[in-house]
Amino acid sequence: MRIAELNVESVDRVVIARLEGEIDLSNATDLGAAIAAKVPNDALGIVIDLTDVDYVDSAGIHVLFELRSRLRARGQELRLVVPSEAEIFQALQVAFVPSAVPVFDSLEAAAASVSEKRGS
């Protein structure tokens, strides 16, 4: 088991969070809190890149929905990067994540979507 690693940067008022490893009950809450703490009030939103996540359980999925609600209340956007060939893609589909949070194949497309949404 590879515990998830989090790397965060900000580009043009869009926070980019890259996760690697596994997201499960043992670390999901801490990861969610760490991600939320990295989103300043003046950010347009956040893109969470899950390309290198090998596993996500229901606790990890719950954190995504929780982040979506928290950001929406602040007027901020949430986008996910999960290529269709990613190991967790099907799990997110089964949990209806793409119907609640826009999912993109690339980081560039997801970040552009946040900027476009906020610019309209």
N, C-alpha and C. Protein backbone atom coordinates (compact mmCIF):
# COMPACT_ATOMS: atom_id res chain seq x y z
N MET A 1 0.84 -1.18 0.00
CA MET A 1 0.00 0.00 0.00
C MET A 1 0.88 1.24 0.00
N ARG A 2 0.57 2.16 -0.87
CA ARG A 2 1.28 3.44 -0.96
C ARG A 2 0.38 4.54 -0.41
N ILE A 3 0.73 5.11 0.70
CA ILE A 3 -0.04 6.22 1.26
C ILE A 3 -0.01 7.38 0.27
N ALA A 4 -1.12 8.09 0.17
CA ALA A 4 -1.22 9.19 -0.79
C ALA A 4 -0.25 10.32 -0.43
N GLU A 5 0.32 10.88 -1.48
CA GLU A 5 1.17 12.06 -1.35
C GLU A 5 0.46 13.21 -2.03
N LEU A 6 0.57 14.39 -1.45
CA LEU A 6 -0.11 15.58 -1.96
C LEU A 6 0.91 16.66 -2.30
N ASN A 7 0.80 17.19 -3.51
CA ASN A 7 1.61 18.33 -3.94
C ASN A 7 0.66 19.40 -4.44
N VAL A 8 0.84 20.63 -3.97
CA VAL A 8 -0.08 21.71 -4.30
C VAL A 8 0.69 22.91 -4.82
N GLU A 9 0.15 23.53 -5.88
CA GLU A 9 0.69 24.77 -6.41
C GLU A 9 -0.49 25.62 -6.88
N SER A 10 -0.22 26.88 -7.13
CA SER A 10 -1.26 27.78 -7.62
C SER A 10 -0.79 28.42 -8.93
N VAL A 11 -1.68 28.39 -9.93
CA VAL A 11 -1.37 28.96 -11.23
C VAL A 11 -2.54 29.84 -11.65
N ASP A 12 -2.32 31.14 -11.78
CA ASP A 12 -3.36 32.08 -12.21
C ASP A 12 -4.65 31.93 -11.41
N ARG A 13 -4.53 31.92 -10.09
CA ARG A 13 -5.66 31.85 -9.16
C ARG A 13 -6.41 30.51 -9.22
N VAL A 14 -5.79 29.50 -9.80
CA VAL A 14 -6.35 28.15 -9.78
C VAL A 14 -5.37 27.27 -9.01
N VAL A 15 -5.87 26.64 -7.95
CA VAL A 15 -5.04 25.76 -7.15
C VAL A 15 -5.00 24.39 -7.84
N ILE A 16 -3.80 23.85 -7.97
CA ILE A 16 -3.60 22.54 -8.58
C ILE A 16 -3.11 21.60 -7.49
N ALA A 17 -3.88 20.56 -7.20
CA ALA A 17 -3.48 19.56 -6.20
C ALA A 17 -3.27 18.23 -6.91
N ARG A 18 -2.06 17.72 -6.81
CA ARG A 18 -1.74 16.43 -7.43
C ARG A 18 -1.62 15.38 -6.32
N LEU A 19 -2.36 14.31 -6.49
CA LEU A 19 -2.31 13.22 -5.52
C LEU A 19 -1.71 11.97 -6.16
N GLU A 20 -0.96 11.23 -5.37
CA GLU A 20 -0.37 9.96 -5.80
C GLU A 20 -0.59 8.94 -4.69
N GLY A 21 -0.81 7.70 -5.07
CA GLY A 21 -0.92 6.64 -4.08
C GLY A 21 -2.35 6.20 -3.87
N GLU A 22 -2.70 5.91 -2.62
CA GLU A 22 -4.01 5.40 -2.28
C GLU A 22 -4.73 6.35 -1.33
N ILE A 23 -6.03 6.49 -1.56
CA ILE A 23 -6.88 7.32 -0.69
C ILE A 23 -7.92 6.38 -0.08
N ASP A 24 -7.86 6.26 1.23
CA ASP A 24 -8.80 5.37 1.91
C ASP A 24 -9.16 5.93 3.28
N LEU A 25 -9.85 5.13 4.05
CA LEU A 25 -10.30 5.56 5.37
C LEU A 25 -9.17 6.06 6.25
N SER A 26 -7.98 5.51 6.07
CA SER A 26 -6.86 5.89 6.93
C SER A 26 -6.33 7.29 6.67
N ASN A 27 -6.57 7.85 5.48
CA ASN A 27 -5.98 9.15 5.18
C ASN A 27 -6.94 10.14 4.50
N ALA A 28 -8.13 9.72 4.14
CA ALA A 28 -9.04 10.57 3.37
C ALA A 28 -9.39 11.88 4.09
N THR A 29 -9.73 11.80 5.33
CA THR A 29 -10.12 13.01 6.07
C THR A 29 -8.97 14.00 6.16
N ASP A 30 -7.78 13.50 6.46
CA ASP A 30 -6.60 14.38 6.54
C ASP A 30 -6.28 15.00 5.19
N LEU A 31 -6.38 14.21 4.13
CA LEU A 31 -6.13 14.75 2.78
C LEU A 31 -7.14 15.83 2.43
N GLY A 32 -8.40 15.58 2.72
CA GLY A 32 -9.45 16.58 2.44
C GLY A 32 -9.19 17.88 3.17
N ALA A 33 -8.82 17.78 4.43
CA ALA A 33 -8.52 18.98 5.22
C ALA A 33 -7.29 19.70 4.68
N ALA A 34 -6.27 18.94 4.30
CA ALA A 34 -5.05 19.54 3.76
C ALA A 34 -5.33 20.26 2.44
N ILE A 35 -6.14 19.65 1.60
CA ILE A 35 -6.48 20.28 0.32
C ILE A 35 -7.29 21.54 0.56
N ALA A 36 -8.32 21.46 1.39
CA ALA A 36 -9.17 22.62 1.66
C ALA A 36 -8.37 23.78 2.23
N ALA A 37 -7.40 23.48 3.08
CA ALA A 37 -6.58 24.53 3.69
C ALA A 37 -5.69 25.25 2.68
N LYS A 38 -5.44 24.61 1.55
CA LYS A 38 -4.56 25.21 0.52
C LYS A 38 -5.33 26.07 -0.48
N VAL A 39 -6.64 26.20 -0.32
CA VAL A 39 -7.44 26.99 -1.27
C VAL A 39 -7.77 28.34 -0.63
N PRO A 40 -7.05 29.40 -1.02
CA PRO A 40 -7.33 30.71 -0.44
C PRO A 40 -8.67 31.26 -0.94
N ASN A 41 -9.19 32.23 -0.23
CA ASN A 41 -10.49 32.81 -0.59
C ASN A 41 -10.51 33.45 -1.96
N ASP A 42 -9.35 33.95 -2.42
CA ASP A 42 -9.33 34.64 -3.72
C ASP A 42 -9.08 33.69 -4.89
N ALA A 43 -8.94 32.39 -4.61
CA ALA A 43 -8.75 31.42 -5.70
C ALA A 43 -10.06 31.24 -6.46
N LEU A 44 -9.95 31.03 -7.76
CA LEU A 44 -11.14 30.75 -8.57
C LEU A 44 -11.67 29.36 -8.28
N GLY A 45 -10.78 28.45 -7.95
CA GLY A 45 -11.17 27.09 -7.66
C GLY A 45 -9.95 26.20 -7.58
N ILE A 46 -10.22 24.90 -7.61
CA ILE A 46 -9.15 23.91 -7.49
C ILE A 46 -9.35 22.79 -8.49
N VAL A 47 -8.24 22.33 -8.99
CA VAL A 47 -8.21 21.15 -9.84
C VAL A 47 -7.46 20.07 -9.06
N ILE A 48 -8.09 18.93 -8.87
CA ILE A 48 -7.45 17.82 -8.18
C ILE A 48 -7.09 16.77 -9.23
N ASP A 49 -5.80 16.55 -9.39
CA ASP A 49 -5.30 15.59 -10.36
C ASP A 49 -5.15 14.23 -9.69
N LEU A 50 -6.02 13.30 -10.09
CA LEU A 50 -6.04 11.96 -9.52
C LEU A 50 -5.42 10.92 -10.46
N THR A 51 -4.71 11.38 -11.46
CA THR A 51 -4.12 10.49 -12.47
C THR A 51 -3.28 9.39 -11.85
N ASP A 52 -2.51 9.71 -10.82
CA ASP A 52 -1.59 8.74 -10.22
C ASP A 52 -2.11 8.14 -8.92
N VAL A 53 -3.42 8.20 -8.72
CA VAL A 53 -4.03 7.55 -7.56
C VAL A 53 -4.37 6.12 -7.97
N ASP A 54 -3.87 5.17 -7.20
CA ASP A 54 -4.05 3.75 -7.51
C ASP A 54 -5.34 3.17 -6.95
N TYR A 55 -5.85 3.79 -5.89
CA TYR A 55 -7.00 3.22 -5.20
C TYR A 55 -7.73 4.34 -4.47
N VAL A 56 -9.05 4.28 -4.49
CA VAL A 56 -9.87 5.19 -3.70
C VAL A 56 -11.06 4.39 -3.17
N ASP A 57 -11.35 4.55 -1.89
CA ASP A 57 -12.51 3.85 -1.33
C ASP A 57 -13.62 4.86 -1.06
N SER A 58 -14.68 4.42 -0.41
CA SER A 58 -15.83 5.29 -0.19
C SER A 58 -15.48 6.52 0.65
N ALA A 59 -14.53 6.40 1.56
CA ALA A 59 -14.11 7.56 2.36
C ALA A 59 -13.48 8.62 1.48
N GLY A 60 -12.66 8.19 0.52
CA GLY A 60 -12.05 9.13 -0.42
C GLY A 60 -13.08 9.79 -1.32
N ILE A 61 -14.05 9.03 -1.75
CA ILE A 61 -15.12 9.57 -2.59
C ILE A 61 -15.96 10.56 -1.80
N HIS A 62 -16.23 10.24 -0.55
CA HIS A 62 -16.98 11.16 0.32
C HIS A 62 -16.25 12.49 0.46
N VAL A 63 -14.94 12.45 0.58
CA VAL A 63 -14.15 13.68 0.70
C VAL A 63 -14.31 14.55 -0.55
N LEU A 64 -14.37 13.94 -1.72
CA LEU A 64 -14.57 14.71 -2.96
C LEU A 64 -15.91 15.44 -2.93
N PHE A 65 -16.96 14.75 -2.51
CA PHE A 65 -18.27 15.39 -2.43
C PHE A 65 -18.29 16.49 -1.37
N GLU A 66 -17.60 16.26 -0.27
CA GLU A 66 -17.51 17.26 0.79
C GLU A 66 -16.76 18.51 0.32
N LEU A 67 -15.64 18.30 -0.38
CA LEU A 67 -14.90 19.43 -0.94
C LEU A 67 -15.75 20.22 -1.93
N ARG A 68 -16.50 19.51 -2.76
CA ARG A 68 -17.38 20.17 -3.72
C ARG A 68 -18.37 21.08 -3.00
N SER A 69 -18.98 20.59 -1.95
CA SER A 69 -19.95 21.39 -1.19
C SER A 69 -19.30 22.60 -0.53
N ARG A 70 -18.15 22.38 0.07
CA ARG A 70 -17.44 23.46 0.75
C ARG A 70 -17.03 24.56 -0.24
N LEU A 71 -16.50 24.15 -1.38
CA LEU A 71 -16.07 25.13 -2.37
C LEU A 71 -17.25 25.85 -2.99
N ARG A 72 -18.31 25.13 -3.28
CA ARG A 72 -19.50 25.75 -3.86
C ARG A 72 -20.05 26.84 -2.94
N ALA A 73 -20.03 26.59 -1.64
CA ALA A 73 -20.51 27.58 -0.67
C ALA A 73 -19.66 28.83 -0.70
N ARG A 74 -18.41 28.70 -1.10
CA ARG A 74 -17.49 29.84 -1.19
C ARG A 74 -17.45 30.45 -2.58
N GLY A 75 -18.27 29.92 -3.50
CA GLY A 75 -18.29 30.43 -4.86
C GLY A 75 -17.11 30.00 -5.69
N GLN A 76 -16.50 28.89 -5.32
CA GLN A 76 -15.32 28.38 -6.02
C GLN A 76 -15.66 27.09 -6.76
N GLU A 77 -14.85 26.79 -7.76
CA GLU A 77 -15.07 25.63 -8.62
C GLU A 77 -14.18 24.46 -8.21
N LEU A 78 -14.65 23.25 -8.51
CA LEU A 78 -13.86 22.04 -8.32
C LEU A 78 -13.87 21.26 -9.62
N ARG A 79 -12.69 20.83 -10.05
CA ARG A 79 -12.56 19.98 -11.23
C ARG A 79 -11.63 18.83 -10.87
N LEU A 80 -11.86 17.68 -11.49
CA LEU A 80 -11.01 16.52 -11.29
C LEU A 80 -10.34 16.14 -12.59
N VAL A 81 -9.12 15.63 -12.49
CA VAL A 81 -8.42 15.06 -13.63
C VAL A 81 -8.31 13.56 -13.37
N VAL A 82 -9.03 12.79 -14.19
CA VAL A 82 -9.01 11.34 -14.09
C VAL A 82 -9.12 10.78 -15.50
N PRO A 83 -7.99 10.47 -16.13
CA PRO A 83 -8.05 9.88 -17.47
C PRO A 83 -8.86 8.58 -17.44
N SER A 84 -9.54 8.28 -18.52
CA SER A 84 -10.40 7.09 -18.57
C SER A 84 -9.63 5.79 -18.34
N GLU A 85 -8.34 5.79 -18.60
CA GLU A 85 -7.55 4.58 -18.35
C GLU A 85 -7.01 4.50 -16.92
N ALA A 86 -7.27 5.51 -16.10
CA ALA A 86 -6.80 5.51 -14.71
C ALA A 86 -7.48 4.39 -13.93
N GLU A 87 -6.75 3.84 -12.98
CA GLU A 87 -7.25 2.71 -12.19
C GLU A 87 -8.53 3.03 -11.43
N ILE A 88 -8.73 4.27 -11.02
CA ILE A 88 -9.89 4.62 -10.20
C ILE A 88 -11.08 5.13 -11.01
N PHE A 89 -10.93 5.24 -12.31
CA PHE A 89 -11.98 5.84 -13.14
C PHE A 89 -13.33 5.15 -12.94
N GLN A 90 -13.34 3.85 -13.00
CA GLN A 90 -14.60 3.12 -12.88
C GLN A 90 -15.23 3.29 -11.49
N ALA A 91 -14.43 3.28 -10.45
CA ALA A 91 -14.96 3.46 -9.10
C ALA A 91 -15.66 4.81 -8.96
N LEU A 92 -15.07 5.85 -9.56
CA LEU A 92 -15.69 7.18 -9.50
C LEU A 92 -16.99 7.20 -10.30
N GLN A 93 -17.02 6.50 -11.42
CA GLN A 93 -18.25 6.44 -12.21
C GLN A 93 -19.37 5.74 -11.44
N VAL A 94 -19.05 4.63 -10.81
CA VAL A 94 -20.05 3.87 -10.04
C VAL A 94 -20.63 4.73 -8.92
N ALA A 95 -19.81 5.61 -8.35
CA ALA A 95 -20.24 6.48 -7.25
C ALA A 95 -20.86 7.79 -7.76
N PHE A 96 -21.04 7.91 -9.07
CA PHE A 96 -21.66 9.09 -9.69
C PHE A 96 -20.88 10.38 -9.47
N VAL A 97 -19.59 10.28 -9.26
CA VAL A 97 -18.77 11.48 -9.08
C VAL A 97 -18.82 12.37 -10.32
N PRO A 98 -18.69 11.83 -11.55
CA PRO A 98 -18.71 12.71 -12.72
C PRO A 98 -20.02 13.48 -12.92
N SER A 99 -21.11 13.01 -12.32
CA SER A 99 -22.36 13.76 -12.44
C SER A 99 -22.40 14.94 -11.47
N ALA A 100 -21.52 14.93 -10.47
CA ALA A 100 -21.48 16.01 -9.49
C ALA A 100 -20.30 16.94 -9.67
N VAL A 101 -19.18 16.41 -10.17
CA VAL A 101 -17.96 17.18 -10.34
C VAL A 101 -17.44 16.94 -11.75
N PRO A 102 -17.21 17.99 -12.53
CA PRO A 102 -16.68 17.78 -13.87
C PRO A 102 -15.32 17.07 -13.85
N VAL A 103 -15.19 16.05 -14.70
CA VAL A 103 -13.98 15.25 -14.78
C VAL A 103 -13.36 15.44 -16.16
N PHE A 104 -12.04 15.65 -16.18
CA PHE A 104 -11.31 15.90 -17.41
C PHE A 104 -10.18 14.89 -17.57
N ASP A 105 -9.75 14.69 -18.82
CA ASP A 105 -8.62 13.82 -19.12
C ASP A 105 -7.28 14.49 -18.89
N SER A 106 -7.26 15.83 -18.91
CA SER A 106 -5.98 16.52 -18.78
C SER A 106 -6.07 17.67 -17.78
N LEU A 107 -4.94 17.95 -17.18
CA LEU A 107 -4.82 19.05 -16.23
C LEU A 107 -5.10 20.38 -16.91
N GLU A 108 -4.59 20.55 -18.10
CA GLU A 108 -4.77 21.81 -18.83
C GLU A 108 -6.24 22.09 -19.09
N ALA A 109 -6.98 21.09 -19.54
CA ALA A 109 -8.40 21.27 -19.83
C ALA A 109 -9.19 21.58 -18.56
N ALA A 110 -8.85 20.92 -17.48
CA ALA A 110 -9.55 21.15 -16.22
C ALA A 110 -9.29 22.57 -15.70
N ALA A 111 -8.04 23.01 -15.74
CA ALA A 111 -7.69 24.35 -15.27
C ALA A 111 -8.35 25.41 -16.14
N ALA A 112 -8.37 25.19 -17.45
CA ALA A 112 -9.03 26.14 -18.35
C ALA A 112 -10.52 26.22 -18.06
N SER A 113 -11.12 25.11 -17.69
CA SER A 113 -12.54 25.08 -17.37
C SER A 113 -12.86 25.93 -16.13
N VAL A 114 -11.99 25.90 -15.15
CA VAL A 114 -12.19 26.73 -13.95
C VAL A 114 -12.12 28.20 -14.33
N SER A 115 -11.12 28.57 -15.10
CA SER A 115 -10.94 29.96 -15.50
C SER A 115 -12.10 30.44 -16.39
N GLU A 116 -12.55 29.61 -17.32
CA GLU A 116 -13.66 29.97 -18.20
C GLU A 116 -14.95 30.13 -17.42
N LYS A 117 -15.21 29.22 -16.51
CA LYS A 117 -16.44 29.25 -15.71
C LYS A 117 -16.51 30.54 -14.90
N ARG A 118 -15.40 30.90 -14.29
CA ARG A 118 -15.37 32.09 -13.42
C ARG A 118 -15.35 33.37 -14.25
N GLY A 119 -14.91 33.28 -15.50
CA GLY A 119 -14.85 34.47 -16.34
C GLY A 119 -16.20 34.83 -16.94
N SER A 120 -17.15 33.89 -16.90
CA SER A 120 -18.46 34.15 -17.52
C SER A 120 -19.43 34.79 -16.57
